[in-house]
C-alpha atoms as a PDB file:
ATOM      1  CA  MET A   1     -44.890 -23.775   3.900  1.00  0.00           C
ATOM      2  CA  ILE A   2     -44.765 -25.842   7.109  1.00  0.00           C
ATOM      3  CA  ALA A   3     -47.079 -28.467   5.616  1.00  0.00           C
ATOM      4  CA  GLU A   4     -44.857 -28.654   2.516  1.00  0.00           C
ATOM      5  CA  VAL A   5     -41.681 -29.401   4.477  1.00  0.00           C
ATOM      6  CA  GLN A   6     -43.492 -31.896   6.717  1.00  0.00           C
ATOM      7  CA  LYS A   7     -44.769 -33.627   3.565  1.00  0.00           C
ATOM      8  CA  ALA A   8     -41.210 -33.895   2.212  1.00  0.00           C
ATOM      9  CA  VAL A   9     -40.161 -35.716   5.395  1.00  0.00           C
ATOM     10  CA  ALA A  10     -43.207 -38.012   5.248  1.00  0.00           C
ATOM     11  CA  ASP A  11     -42.491 -38.733   1.566  1.00  0.00           C
ATOM     12  CA  TYR A  12     -38.927 -39.682   2.563  1.00  0.00           C
ATOM     13  CA  ALA A  13     -40.131 -42.175   5.200  1.00  0.00           C
ATOM     14  CA  HIS A  14     -42.621 -43.820   2.848  1.00  0.00           C
ATOM     15  CA  ALA A  15     -40.100 -44.010  -0.002  1.00  0.00           C
ATOM     16  CA  LEU A  16     -37.455 -45.425   2.350  1.00  0.00           C
ATOM     17  CA  ASP A  17     -39.750 -48.195   3.598  1.00  0.00           C
ATOM     18  CA  GLU A  18     -40.898 -49.107   0.086  1.00  0.00           C
ATOM     19  CA  LEU A  19     -37.434 -48.698  -1.490  1.00  0.00           C
ATOM     20  CA  ASN A  20     -39.038 -46.325  -3.965  1.00  0.00           C
ATOM     21  CA  VAL A  21     -35.846 -45.022  -5.573  1.00  0.00           C
ATOM     22  CA  PRO A  22     -37.505 -42.448  -7.867  1.00  0.00           C
ATOM     23  CA  GLN A  23     -39.332 -40.937  -4.872  1.00  0.00           C
ATOM     24  CA  LEU A  24     -36.122 -40.918  -2.815  1.00  0.00           C
ATOM     25  CA  GLU A  25     -34.294 -39.201  -5.669  1.00  0.00           C
ATOM     26  CA  ALA A  26     -37.072 -36.599  -5.772  1.00  0.00           C
ATOM     27  CA  VAL A  27     -36.830 -35.805  -2.059  1.00  0.00           C
ATOM     28  CA  LEU A  28     -33.005 -35.725  -1.722  1.00  0.00           C
ATOM     29  CA  THR A  29     -30.676 -32.994  -2.947  1.00  0.00           C
ATOM     30  CA  GLU A  30     -27.815 -34.064  -5.213  1.00  0.00           C
ATOM     31  CA  ASP A  31     -25.325 -33.162  -2.444  1.00  0.00           C
ATOM     32  CA  THR A  32     -27.333 -34.612   0.456  1.00  0.00           C
ATOM     33  CA  THR A  33     -25.394 -35.864   3.492  1.00  0.00           C
ATOM     34  CA  TRP A  34     -26.471 -38.468   6.049  1.00  0.00           C
ATOM     35  CA  THR A  35     -24.882 -38.998   9.459  1.00  0.00           C
ATOM     36  CA  PHE A  36     -25.929 -41.538  12.097  1.00  0.00           C
ATOM     37  CA  THR A  37     -24.947 -41.914  15.735  1.00  0.00           C
ATOM     38  CA  MET A  38     -25.407 -45.290  17.435  1.00  0.00           C
ATOM     39  CA  PRO A  39     -24.678 -45.945  21.107  1.00  0.00           C
ATOM     40  CA  GLY A  40     -21.587 -48.089  21.494  1.00  0.00           C
ATOM     41  CA  GLN A  41     -20.787 -47.832  17.788  1.00  0.00           C
ATOM     42  CA  GLY A  42     -20.083 -44.128  17.373  1.00  0.00           C
ATOM     43  CA  VAL A  43     -20.748 -42.103  14.265  1.00  0.00           C
ATOM     44  CA  LEU A  44     -21.496 -43.640  10.895  1.00  0.00           C
ATOM     45  CA  GLY A  45     -20.876 -41.272   8.034  1.00  0.00           C
ATOM     46  CA  PRO A  46     -21.341 -38.855   6.733  1.00  0.00           C
ATOM     47  CA  VAL A  47     -22.588 -40.590   3.634  1.00  0.00           C
ATOM     48  CA  VAL A  48     -22.236 -37.847   1.031  1.00  0.00           C
ATOM     49  CA  GLY A  49     -24.167 -37.384  -2.197  1.00  0.00           C
ATOM     50  CA  ARG A  50     -27.480 -38.746  -3.447  1.00  0.00           C
ATOM     51  CA  THR A  51     -25.851 -41.667  -5.309  1.00  0.00           C
ATOM     52  CA  ALA A  52     -23.932 -42.795  -2.211  1.00  0.00           C
ATOM     53  CA  VAL A  53     -27.027 -42.412  -0.013  1.00  0.00           C
ATOM     54  CA  LEU A  54     -29.141 -44.472  -2.416  1.00  0.00           C
ATOM     55  CA  ASP A  55     -26.454 -47.194  -2.442  1.00  0.00           C
ATOM     56  CA  PHE A  56     -26.443 -47.095   1.368  1.00  0.00           C
ATOM     57  CA  ILE A  57     -30.241 -47.481   1.409  1.00  0.00           C
ATOM     58  CA  ARG A  58     -30.160 -50.376  -1.073  1.00  0.00           C
ATOM     59  CA  ASP A  59     -27.529 -52.162   1.043  1.00  0.00           C
ATOM     60  CA  GLY A  60     -29.696 -51.666   4.133  1.00  0.00           C
ATOM     61  CA  HIS A  61     -32.741 -53.121   2.407  1.00  0.00           C
ATOM     62  CA  THR A  62     -30.747 -56.133   1.243  1.00  0.00           C
ATOM     63  CA  ALA A  63     -29.589 -56.816   4.805  1.00  0.00           C
ATOM     64  CA  GLN A  64     -32.973 -56.456   6.506  1.00  0.00           C
ATOM     65  CA  THR A  65     -35.499 -59.180   7.180  1.00  0.00           C
ATOM     66  CA  GLY A  66     -39.231 -58.670   7.369  1.00  0.00           C
ATOM     67  CA  ARG A  67     -41.079 -55.448   6.641  1.00  0.00           C
ATOM     68  CA  VAL A  68     -39.340 -52.504   8.289  1.00  0.00           C
ATOM     69  CA  ARG A  69     -41.231 -49.271   8.921  1.00  0.00           C
ATOM     70  CA  HIS A  70     -39.934 -45.861   9.985  1.00  0.00           C
ATOM     71  CA  HIS A  71     -42.643 -44.204  12.104  1.00  0.00           C
ATOM     72  CA  LEU A  72     -42.009 -40.480  12.482  1.00  0.00           C
ATOM     73  CA  SER A  73     -43.791 -38.573  15.230  1.00  0.00           C
ATOM     74  CA  ASN A  74     -43.658 -35.232  16.988  1.00  0.00           C
ATOM     75  CA  VAL A  75     -42.565 -33.680  13.689  1.00  0.00           C
ATOM     76  CA  VAL A  76     -41.636 -30.080  14.474  1.00  0.00           C
ATOM     77  CA  VAL A  77     -40.382 -27.433  12.093  1.00  0.00           C
ATOM     78  CA  THR A  78     -37.779 -25.629  14.197  1.00  0.00           C
ATOM     79  CA  THR A  79     -36.573 -23.024  11.683  1.00  0.00           C
ATOM     80  CA  THR A  80     -37.684 -21.950   8.262  1.00  0.00           C
ATOM     81  CA  ASP A  81     -37.284 -19.197   5.723  1.00  0.00           C
ATOM     82  CA  ALA A  82     -38.119 -18.994   2.024  1.00  0.00           C
ATOM     83  CA  ALA A  83     -35.237 -21.270   0.996  1.00  0.00           C
ATOM     84  CA  THR A  84     -34.366 -23.503   3.969  1.00  0.00           C
ATOM     85  CA  ALA A  85     -36.055 -25.375   6.803  1.00  0.00           C
ATOM     86  CA  GLU A  86     -35.095 -27.610   9.697  1.00  0.00           C
ATOM     87  CA  ILE A  87     -37.261 -30.367  11.127  1.00  0.00           C
ATOM     88  CA  ARG A  88     -36.862 -32.552  14.194  1.00  0.00           C
ATOM     89  CA  ALA A  89     -38.840 -35.769  14.593  1.00  0.00           C
ATOM     90  CA  TYR A  90     -38.876 -38.850  16.774  1.00  0.00           C
ATOM     91  CA  LEU A  91     -38.245 -42.216  15.130  1.00  0.00           C
ATOM     92  CA  LEU A  92     -39.812 -45.521  16.086  1.00  0.00           C
ATOM     93  CA  GLN A  93     -38.570 -48.291  13.804  1.00  0.00           C
ATOM     94  CA  THR A  94     -40.477 -51.574  13.660  1.00  0.00           C
ATOM     95  CA  ARG A  95     -40.153 -54.902  11.860  1.00  0.00           C
ATOM     96  CA  ASN A  96     -42.993 -57.217  10.899  1.00  0.00           C
ATOM     97  CA  THR A  97     -41.852 -60.718   9.933  1.00  0.00           C
ATOM     98  CA  GLY A  98     -45.357 -62.021   9.363  1.00  0.00           C
ATOM     99  CA  GLU A  99     -45.054 -64.036  12.565  1.00  0.00           C
ATOM    100  CA  SER A 100     -44.132 -61.272  14.965  1.00  0.00           C
ATOM    101  CA  ILE A 101     -43.807 -57.528  15.244  1.00  0.00           C
ATOM    102  CA  GLU A 102     -40.841 -56.036  17.040  1.00  0.00           C
ATOM    103  CA  MET A 103     -39.566 -52.607  17.899  1.00  0.00           C
ATOM    104  CA  ILE A 104     -36.085 -52.280  16.427  1.00  0.00           C
ATOM    105  CA  SER A 105     -35.007 -48.835  17.568  1.00  0.00           C
ATOM    106  CA  THR A 106     -35.937 -45.335  18.588  1.00  0.00           C
ATOM    107  CA  GLY A 107     -34.141 -42.095  17.956  1.00  0.00           C
ATOM    108  CA  ILE A 108     -34.266 -38.479  16.865  1.00  0.00           C
ATOM    109  CA  TYR A 109     -34.041 -37.315  13.272  1.00  0.00           C
ATOM    110  CA  THR A 110     -32.922 -33.844  12.271  1.00  0.00           C
ATOM    111  CA  PHE A 111     -33.592 -32.868   8.667  1.00  0.00           C
ATOM    112  CA  SER A 112     -32.220 -29.783   6.939  1.00  0.00           C
ATOM    113  CA  LEU A 113     -34.190 -29.030   3.787  1.00  0.00           C
ATOM    114  CA  ARG A 114     -33.672 -26.703   0.847  1.00  0.00           C
ATOM    115  CA  ARG A 115     -36.299 -25.437  -1.532  1.00  0.00           C
ATOM    116  CA  SER A 116     -35.638 -26.255  -5.188  1.00  0.00           C
ATOM    117  CA  ASP A 117     -37.549 -25.661  -8.394  1.00  0.00           C
ATOM    118  CA  TYR A 118     -39.144 -29.066  -7.719  1.00  0.00           C
ATOM    119  CA  GLY A 119     -40.138 -28.497  -4.093  1.00  0.00           C
ATOM    120  CA  TRP A 120     -38.486 -29.145  -0.733  1.00  0.00           C
ATOM    121  CA  ARG A 121     -35.570 -31.580  -0.663  1.00  0.00           C
ATOM    122  CA  ILE A 122     -33.522 -33.059   2.151  1.00  0.00           C
ATOM    123  CA  ALA A 123     -30.027 -31.578   2.106  1.00  0.00           C
ATOM    124  CA  GLU A 124     -28.847 -33.059   5.395  1.00  0.00           C
ATOM    125  CA  LEU A 125     -30.151 -35.830   7.582  1.00  0.00           C
ATOM    126  CA  THR A 126     -28.815 -36.760  10.990  1.00  0.00           C
ATOM    127  CA  LEU A 127     -30.156 -39.589  13.088  1.00  0.00           C
ATOM    128  CA  ALA A 128     -29.209 -40.138  16.711  1.00  0.00           C
ATOM    129  CA  LEU A 129     -30.388 -43.611  17.680  1.00  0.00           C
ATOM    130  CA  ASP A 130     -31.211 -44.387  21.293  1.00  0.00           C
ATOM    131  CA  ASN A 131     -30.041 -47.987  20.924  1.00  0.00           C
ATOM    132  CA  ALA A 132     -27.921 -50.096  18.597  1.00  0.00           C
ATOM    133  CA  PHE A 133     -29.786 -52.699  16.573  1.00  0.00           C
END
């Protein structure tokens, strides 16, 4: 079960970086909520519902330059039962413009997942960034 929930989080990161909307839809619950904390800017969100989250992601992709990657590390399942799980992971976000590579931000993700008939899905995502970008 631990490998399954870790895979759901990895699938999220890959789908996010590739703007793979069908994969994002598959890994997010219909009622998913996203909340971000950025130093000096406070709390953004929550963004509530899969449709709103996908719009938020599309807007973010439109605004970005270069190839942005979300590198998740130290992925730890902190709680789990047959229907729910919680994961914490470090974030290192990079951008490759083709001319340079830069570190954009670091932070800590917390994912709350629920098991569905289709596998594990992200019900709640919080991200506490260490810096504003």
